[in-house]
Amino acid sequence: MEQLKQETRALAQTNAKFRDFLQAQDHILRIPSDITNPLKRTTQELTRLHAHAEQMDMMQGALDEDARAFKRAKADTRATFLNLRKRFAMKMKASPALSEFATALGANGSR
């Protein structure tokens, strides 16, 4: 507790010294606001630009992840379709009734 009080006193003394220094340098306090305001506005704009750039990076990362997920899903779907097609073709070869049915469908579909 005593250490906290000492640190508080030291901080107050440092603040007082800084205020005294600024008052001794009165030309710093007389800087017109039309000089400082554009600088302040520029820093605010830079801060906003950095925030928007970070947001765009996050969005780009999310889009990249979505694109990868879409490609994976597309490949999985294609593999499933090819697997079903192969299984159906094997059943067609195994069963003459199915192959006759498929031939009949092919003949009717070509008309």
C-alpha atoms as a PDB file:
ATOM      1  CA  MET A   1       0.000   0.000   0.000  1.00  0.00           C
ATOM      2  CA  GLU A   2       2.867   2.306   0.869  1.00  0.00           C
ATOM      3  CA  GLN A   3       4.497   1.566  -2.491  1.00  0.00           C
ATOM      4  CA  LEU A   4       1.276   2.527  -4.292  1.00  0.00           C
ATOM      5  CA  LYS A   5       1.172   5.858  -2.443  1.00  0.00           C
ATOM      6  CA  GLN A   6       4.803   6.541  -3.361  1.00  0.00           C
ATOM      7  CA  GLU A   7       4.140   5.720  -7.017  1.00  0.00           C
ATOM      8  CA  THR A   8       1.091   8.003  -6.992  1.00  0.00           C
ATOM      9  CA  ARG A   9       3.167  10.841  -5.517  1.00  0.00           C
ATOM     10  CA  ALA A  10       5.926  10.252  -8.076  1.00  0.00           C
ATOM     11  CA  LEU A  11       3.384  10.334 -10.911  1.00  0.00           C
ATOM     12  CA  ALA A  12       1.862  13.554  -9.579  1.00  0.00           C
ATOM     13  CA  GLN A  13       5.330  15.123  -9.353  1.00  0.00           C
ATOM     14  CA  THR A  14       6.142  14.052 -12.916  1.00  0.00           C
ATOM     15  CA  ASN A  15       2.847  15.514 -14.150  1.00  0.00           C
ATOM     16  CA  ALA A  16       3.566  18.765 -12.324  1.00  0.00           C
ATOM     17  CA  LYS A  17       7.070  18.954 -13.841  1.00  0.00           C
ATOM     18  CA  PHE A  18       5.630  18.357 -17.311  1.00  0.00           C
ATOM     19  CA  ARG A  19       2.989  21.073 -16.813  1.00  0.00           C
ATOM     20  CA  ASP A  20       5.684  23.482 -15.615  1.00  0.00           C
ATOM     21  CA  PHE A  21       7.797  22.642 -18.669  1.00  0.00           C
ATOM     22  CA  LEU A  22       4.866  23.315 -21.006  1.00  0.00           C
ATOM     23  CA  GLN A  23       4.112  26.617 -19.298  1.00  0.00           C
ATOM     24  CA  ALA A  24       7.756  27.616 -19.659  1.00  0.00           C
ATOM     25  CA  GLN A  25       7.490  26.829 -23.372  1.00  0.00           C
ATOM     26  CA  ASP A  26       4.483  29.025 -24.025  1.00  0.00           C
ATOM     27  CA  HIS A  27       5.105  29.015 -27.788  1.00  0.00           C
ATOM     28  CA  ILE A  28       3.961  25.354 -27.770  1.00  0.00           C
ATOM     29  CA  LEU A  29       0.667  26.336 -26.195  1.00  0.00           C
ATOM     30  CA  ARG A  30       0.196  29.143 -28.725  1.00  0.00           C
ATOM     31  CA  ILE A  31       0.157  26.811 -31.740  1.00  0.00           C
ATOM     32  CA  PRO A  32      -2.988  27.723 -33.654  1.00  0.00           C
ATOM     33  CA  SER A  33      -5.698  25.119 -33.888  1.00  0.00           C
ATOM     34  CA  ASP A  34      -5.753  25.347 -37.690  1.00  0.00           C
ATOM     35  CA  ILE A  35      -2.321  23.663 -37.599  1.00  0.00           C
ATOM     36  CA  THR A  36      -3.172  20.961 -35.079  1.00  0.00           C
ATOM     37  CA  ASN A  37      -6.684  20.130 -36.300  1.00  0.00           C
ATOM     38  CA  PRO A  38      -5.615  18.842 -39.750  1.00  0.00           C
ATOM     39  CA  LEU A  39      -2.977  16.681 -38.075  1.00  0.00           C
ATOM     40  CA  LYS A  40      -5.579  15.315 -35.679  1.00  0.00           C
ATOM     41  CA  ARG A  41      -7.992  14.704 -38.552  1.00  0.00           C
ATOM     42  CA  THR A  42      -5.246  12.932 -40.539  1.00  0.00           C
ATOM     43  CA  THR A  43      -4.467  10.593 -37.651  1.00  0.00           C
ATOM     44  CA  GLN A  44      -8.156   9.795 -37.255  1.00  0.00           C
ATOM     45  CA  GLU A  45      -8.426   9.030 -40.974  1.00  0.00           C
ATOM     46  CA  LEU A  46      -5.341   6.816 -40.815  1.00  0.00           C
ATOM     47  CA  THR A  47      -6.794   4.946 -37.856  1.00  0.00           C
ATOM     48  CA  ARG A  48     -10.026   4.377 -39.772  1.00  0.00           C
ATOM     49  CA  LEU A  49      -8.103   3.245 -42.858  1.00  0.00           C
ATOM     50  CA  HIS A  50      -6.136   0.727 -40.806  1.00  0.00           C
ATOM     51  CA  ALA A  51      -9.352  -0.594 -39.255  1.00  0.00           C
ATOM     52  CA  HIS A  52     -10.952  -0.968 -42.697  1.00  0.00           C
ATOM     53  CA  ALA A  53      -7.839  -2.676 -44.078  1.00  0.00           C
ATOM     54  CA  GLU A  54      -7.944  -5.193 -41.215  1.00  0.00           C
ATOM     55  CA  GLN A  55     -11.644  -5.761 -41.861  1.00  0.00           C
ATOM     56  CA  MET A  56     -10.951  -6.335 -45.573  1.00  0.00           C
ATOM     57  CA  ASP A  57      -8.191  -8.817 -44.702  1.00  0.00           C
ATOM     58  CA  MET A  58     -10.614 -10.722 -42.471  1.00  0.00           C
ATOM     59  CA  MET A  59     -13.229 -10.739 -45.239  1.00  0.00           C
ATOM     60  CA  GLN A  60     -10.643 -11.951 -47.774  1.00  0.00           C
ATOM     61  CA  GLY A  61      -9.669 -14.775 -45.425  1.00  0.00           C
ATOM     62  CA  ALA A  62     -13.305 -15.768 -44.999  1.00  0.00           C
ATOM     63  CA  LEU A  63     -13.847 -15.686 -48.776  1.00  0.00           C
ATOM     64  CA  ASP A  64     -10.755 -17.825 -49.348  1.00  0.00           C
ATOM     65  CA  GLU A  65     -11.986 -20.353 -46.799  1.00  0.00           C
ATOM     66  CA  ASP A  66     -15.439 -20.401 -48.442  1.00  0.00           C
ATOM     67  CA  ALA A  67     -13.838 -20.954 -51.859  1.00  0.00           C
ATOM     68  CA  ARG A  68     -11.794 -23.861 -50.500  1.00  0.00           C
ATOM     69  CA  ALA A  69     -14.905 -25.372 -48.878  1.00  0.00           C
ATOM     70  CA  PHE A  70     -16.847 -24.982 -52.146  1.00  0.00           C
ATOM     71  CA  LYS A  71     -14.091 -26.699 -54.143  1.00  0.00           C
ATOM     72  CA  ARG A  72     -13.975 -29.538 -51.615  1.00  0.00           C
ATOM     73  CA  ALA A  73     -17.758 -29.941 -51.722  1.00  0.00           C
ATOM     74  CA  LYS A  74     -17.724 -29.835 -55.524  1.00  0.00           C
ATOM     75  CA  ALA A  75     -15.047 -32.544 -55.691  1.00  0.00           C
ATOM     76  CA  ASP A  76     -16.882 -34.663 -53.117  1.00  0.00           C
ATOM     77  CA  THR A  77     -20.157 -34.319 -55.023  1.00  0.00           C
ATOM     78  CA  ARG A  78     -18.474 -35.249 -58.297  1.00  0.00           C
ATOM     79  CA  ALA A  79     -16.838 -38.277 -56.701  1.00  0.00           C
ATOM     80  CA  THR A  80     -20.204 -39.346 -55.309  1.00  0.00           C
ATOM     81  CA  PHE A  81     -21.857 -38.905 -58.707  1.00  0.00           C
ATOM     82  CA  LEU A  82     -19.124 -40.911 -60.458  1.00  0.00           C
ATOM     83  CA  ASN A  83     -19.400 -43.621 -57.811  1.00  0.00           C
ATOM     84  CA  LEU A  84     -23.185 -43.857 -58.280  1.00  0.00           C
ATOM     85  CA  ARG A  85     -22.789 -43.932 -62.061  1.00  0.00           C
ATOM     86  CA  LYS A  86     -20.222 -46.706 -61.836  1.00  0.00           C
ATOM     87  CA  ARG A  87     -22.429 -48.729 -59.476  1.00  0.00           C
ATOM     88  CA  PHE A  88     -25.431 -48.265 -61.772  1.00  0.00           C
ATOM     89  CA  ALA A  89     -23.378 -49.340 -64.811  1.00  0.00           C
ATOM     90  CA  MET A  90     -22.212 -52.445 -62.942  1.00  0.00           C
ATOM     91  CA  LYS A  91     -25.824 -53.323 -62.088  1.00  0.00           C
ATOM     92  CA  MET A  92     -26.831 -52.794 -65.703  1.00  0.00           C
ATOM     93  CA  LYS A  93     -24.156 -55.233 -66.862  1.00  0.00           C
ATOM     94  CA  ALA A  94     -25.066 -57.738 -64.158  1.00  0.00           C
ATOM     95  CA  SER A  95     -28.776 -57.847 -64.901  1.00  0.00           C
ATOM     96  CA  PRO A  96     -29.967 -58.434 -68.480  1.00  0.00           C
ATOM     97  CA  ALA A  97     -33.453 -57.152 -67.644  1.00  0.00           C
ATOM     98  CA  LEU A  98     -32.041 -53.800 -66.593  1.00  0.00           C
ATOM     99  CA  SER A  99     -29.887 -53.528 -69.702  1.00  0.00           C
ATOM    100  CA  GLU A 100     -32.919 -54.255 -71.890  1.00  0.00           C
ATOM    101  CA  PHE A 101     -34.841 -51.597 -69.985  1.00  0.00           C
ATOM    102  CA  ALA A 102     -32.006 -49.108 -70.481  1.00  0.00           C
ATOM    103  CA  THR A 103     -31.832 -49.962 -74.190  1.00  0.00           C
ATOM    104  CA  ALA A 104     -35.565 -49.394 -74.471  1.00  0.00           C
ATOM    105  CA  LEU A 105     -35.225 -46.070 -72.689  1.00  0.00           C
ATOM    106  CA  GLY A 106     -32.381 -45.096 -74.994  1.00  0.00           C
ATOM    107  CA  ALA A 107     -34.427 -46.014 -78.053  1.00  0.00           C
ATOM    108  CA  ASN A 108     -37.428 -44.019 -76.844  1.00  0.00           C
ATOM    109  CA  GLY A 109     -35.301 -41.063 -75.818  1.00  0.00           C
ATOM    110  CA  SER A 110     -33.612 -40.773 -79.224  1.00  0.00           C
ATOM    111  CA  ARG A 111     -36.883 -40.262 -81.104  1.00  0.00           C
END
